[in-house]
């Protein structure tokens, strides 16, 4: 669903190139599209670079592994679990980039853009937490990364800061 939405927006962005009024929203749209991709990609890269266990893998939650902290060395022979930050949640939280996009093209709607990204990410996060796949900290870390990327790409593509 998230991929389909991204592809639809990408096609719409290409189509706007031919419309005279479309030029005004092209840069904000490109920032939105790049931000969503970069957010999900960054979370995935960090996730596979950090060997953190999922709650369901830990002994205290019914798994077989003792807890190892983020900055602790993992004992030899431990599997390389990739559970931090939360990738499913990032697919939803990446859409917080709707806030800076809408702040530029339709400022009255910017809060709804933020709500959409938070709601979708929160829904994905809750589903994974209920399954035992993530801790709240995994999801909040994904949110912070997505917000940071969204505002960085908005500034990169559009210059001045957005309100």
Protein backbone atom coordinates (compact mmCIF):
# COMPACT_ATOMS: atom_id res chain seq x y z
CA UNK A 1 0.00 0.00 0.00
CA UNK A 2 2.78 2.42 0.94
CA UNK A 3 4.76 1.51 -2.16
CA UNK A 4 1.68 1.97 -4.36
CA UNK A 5 1.11 5.42 -2.88
CA UNK A 6 4.74 6.36 -3.52
CA UNK A 7 4.56 5.13 -7.13
CA UNK A 8 1.31 7.03 -7.71
CA UNK A 9 2.92 10.23 -6.42
CA UNK A 10 6.02 9.62 -8.56
CA UNK A 11 3.86 9.24 -11.67
CA UNK A 12 1.92 12.35 -10.72
CA UNK A 13 5.16 14.28 -10.31
CA UNK A 14 6.25 13.29 -13.81
CA UNK A 15 2.85 14.35 -15.15
CA UNK A 16 3.09 17.74 -13.43
CA UNK A 17 6.19 18.54 -15.46
CA UNK A 18 3.99 19.21 -18.47
CA UNK A 19 1.45 21.35 -16.66
CA UNK A 20 2.32 25.06 -16.28
CA UNK A 21 1.04 25.28 -12.69
CA UNK A 22 2.74 22.01 -11.79
CA UNK A 23 6.17 23.60 -11.73
CA UNK A 24 5.35 25.35 -8.45
CA UNK A 25 4.86 22.08 -6.58
CA UNK A 26 7.45 19.99 -8.40
CA UNK A 27 10.35 20.71 -6.02
CA UNK A 28 8.29 20.09 -2.86
CA UNK A 29 6.96 16.88 -4.43
CA UNK A 30 10.48 15.73 -5.30
CA UNK A 31 11.53 16.45 -1.73
CA UNK A 32 8.59 14.39 -0.46
CA UNK A 33 9.38 11.45 -2.73
CA UNK A 34 13.10 11.52 -1.96
CA UNK A 35 12.43 11.84 1.76
CA UNK A 36 10.12 8.83 1.90
CA UNK A 37 12.65 6.68 0.04
CA UNK A 38 15.61 7.94 2.06
CA UNK A 39 13.80 7.46 5.38
CA UNK A 40 12.94 3.84 4.68
CA UNK A 41 16.41 3.22 3.25
CA UNK A 42 18.20 4.79 6.20
CA UNK A 43 16.20 2.79 8.73
CA UNK A 44 16.87 -0.41 6.77
CA UNK A 45 20.61 0.32 6.58
CA UNK A 46 20.86 1.00 10.31
CA UNK A 47 18.69 -2.01 11.09
CA UNK A 48 20.96 -4.40 9.23
CA UNK A 49 24.10 -2.75 10.58
CA UNK A 50 23.15 -3.08 14.24
CA UNK A 51 22.73 -6.59 15.64
CA UNK A 52 19.81 -5.98 18.03
CA UNK A 53 17.40 -8.68 19.10
CA UNK A 54 13.62 -8.54 18.88
CA UNK A 55 11.65 -8.87 22.10
CA UNK A 56 10.39 -12.31 21.05
CA UNK A 57 14.02 -13.52 20.86
CA UNK A 58 14.86 -12.55 24.45
CA UNK A 59 14.69 -14.99 27.37
CA UNK A 60 12.59 -12.69 29.54
CA UNK A 61 9.89 -12.67 26.83
CA UNK A 62 9.93 -16.38 25.97
CA UNK A 63 12.89 -16.44 23.58
CA UNK A 64 16.27 -18.08 23.94
CA UNK A 65 18.76 -15.17 24.01
CA UNK A 66 19.89 -13.09 26.96
CA UNK A 67 19.55 -9.32 26.55
CA UNK A 68 22.54 -7.56 25.00
CA UNK A 69 22.52 -3.76 25.00
CA UNK A 70 22.95 -1.62 21.92
CA UNK A 71 26.52 -0.62 22.79
CA UNK A 72 27.61 -3.96 24.27
CA UNK A 73 29.70 -6.52 22.39
CA UNK A 74 27.63 -9.51 21.39
CA UNK A 75 28.97 -12.86 22.54
CA UNK A 76 30.50 -15.07 19.86
CA UNK A 77 27.97 -17.37 18.24
CA UNK A 78 25.00 -15.08 18.76
CA UNK A 79 22.83 -14.71 15.68
CA UNK A 80 22.89 -11.38 13.86
CA UNK A 81 19.28 -10.36 14.50
CA UNK A 82 18.23 -7.11 12.87
CA UNK A 83 15.45 -5.58 14.92
CA UNK A 84 16.45 -1.98 15.62
CA UNK A 85 15.16 0.48 14.44
CA UNK A 86 11.70 -0.59 13.32
CA UNK A 87 11.41 -0.95 9.54
CA UNK A 88 7.65 -1.58 9.37
CA UNK A 89 6.99 1.56 11.39
CA UNK A 90 9.38 3.55 9.20
CA UNK A 91 7.27 2.73 6.13
CA UNK A 92 4.47 4.67 7.81
CA UNK A 93 6.50 7.28 9.67
CA UNK A 94 8.31 8.19 6.43
CA UNK A 95 5.09 9.95 5.43
CA UNK A 96 5.60 12.60 8.13
CA UNK A 97 7.34 14.25 5.16
CA UNK A 98 3.82 15.29 4.18
CA UNK A 99 4.11 18.00 6.83
CA UNK A 100 6.88 20.06 5.16
CA UNK A 101 5.39 19.28 1.73
CA UNK A 102 1.97 20.59 2.69
CA UNK A 103 3.48 23.50 4.64
CA UNK A 104 4.84 24.69 1.30
CA UNK A 105 1.96 23.91 -1.05
CA UNK A 106 -1.16 24.01 1.16
CA UNK A 107 -0.24 25.32 4.64
CA UNK A 108 -3.74 24.85 6.07
CA UNK A 109 -3.37 21.08 5.54
CA UNK A 110 0.10 20.60 7.05
CA UNK A 111 -1.19 19.31 10.39
CA UNK A 112 -3.22 16.69 8.52
CA UNK A 113 -0.08 15.61 6.69
CA UNK A 114 1.74 15.17 9.97
CA UNK A 115 -1.24 13.31 11.44
CA UNK A 116 -1.31 10.96 8.43
CA UNK A 117 2.36 10.05 8.83
CA UNK A 118 2.10 9.65 12.60
CA UNK A 119 -1.11 7.64 12.29
CA UNK A 120 0.17 5.27 9.64
CA UNK A 121 3.50 4.78 11.40
CA UNK A 122 1.74 4.38 14.75
CA UNK A 123 -0.55 1.73 13.29
CA UNK A 124 2.38 -0.24 11.86
CA UNK A 125 4.33 0.20 15.10
CA UNK A 126 1.46 -1.00 17.29
CA UNK A 127 0.92 -4.07 15.12
CA UNK A 128 4.57 -5.06 15.41
CA UNK A 129 4.75 -4.34 19.13
CA UNK A 130 1.69 -6.48 19.79
CA UNK A 131 3.39 -9.34 17.92
CA UNK A 132 6.51 -8.96 20.08
CA UNK A 133 8.65 -7.81 17.17
CA UNK A 134 9.67 -4.41 18.61
CA UNK A 135 9.99 -2.32 21.70
CA UNK A 136 8.53 1.18 21.78
CA UNK A 137 12.09 2.56 21.60
CA UNK A 138 12.58 0.86 18.23
CA UNK A 139 9.53 2.64 16.85
CA UNK A 140 10.34 6.02 18.36
CA UNK A 141 13.85 5.81 16.92
CA UNK A 142 12.35 5.22 13.49
CA UNK A 143 10.08 8.22 13.94
CA UNK A 144 12.99 10.50 14.91
CA UNK A 145 15.01 9.33 11.90
CA UNK A 146 12.06 9.89 9.55
CA UNK A 147 11.37 13.39 10.91
CA UNK A 148 15.04 14.32 10.59
CA UNK A 149 15.22 13.08 7.00
CA UNK A 150 11.95 14.82 6.09
CA UNK A 151 13.13 18.23 7.24
CA UNK A 152 16.64 17.74 5.84
CA UNK A 153 15.32 16.87 2.39
CA UNK A 154 12.80 19.70 2.49
CA UNK A 155 15.60 22.14 3.24
CA UNK A 156 17.88 20.58 0.63
CA UNK A 157 15.29 20.77 -2.16
CA UNK A 158 13.53 23.98 -1.21
CA UNK A 159 16.14 26.15 0.48
CA UNK A 160 14.56 28.13 3.28
CA UNK A 161 13.22 26.56 6.44
CA UNK A 162 9.59 25.58 6.61
CA UNK A 163 7.32 26.69 9.48
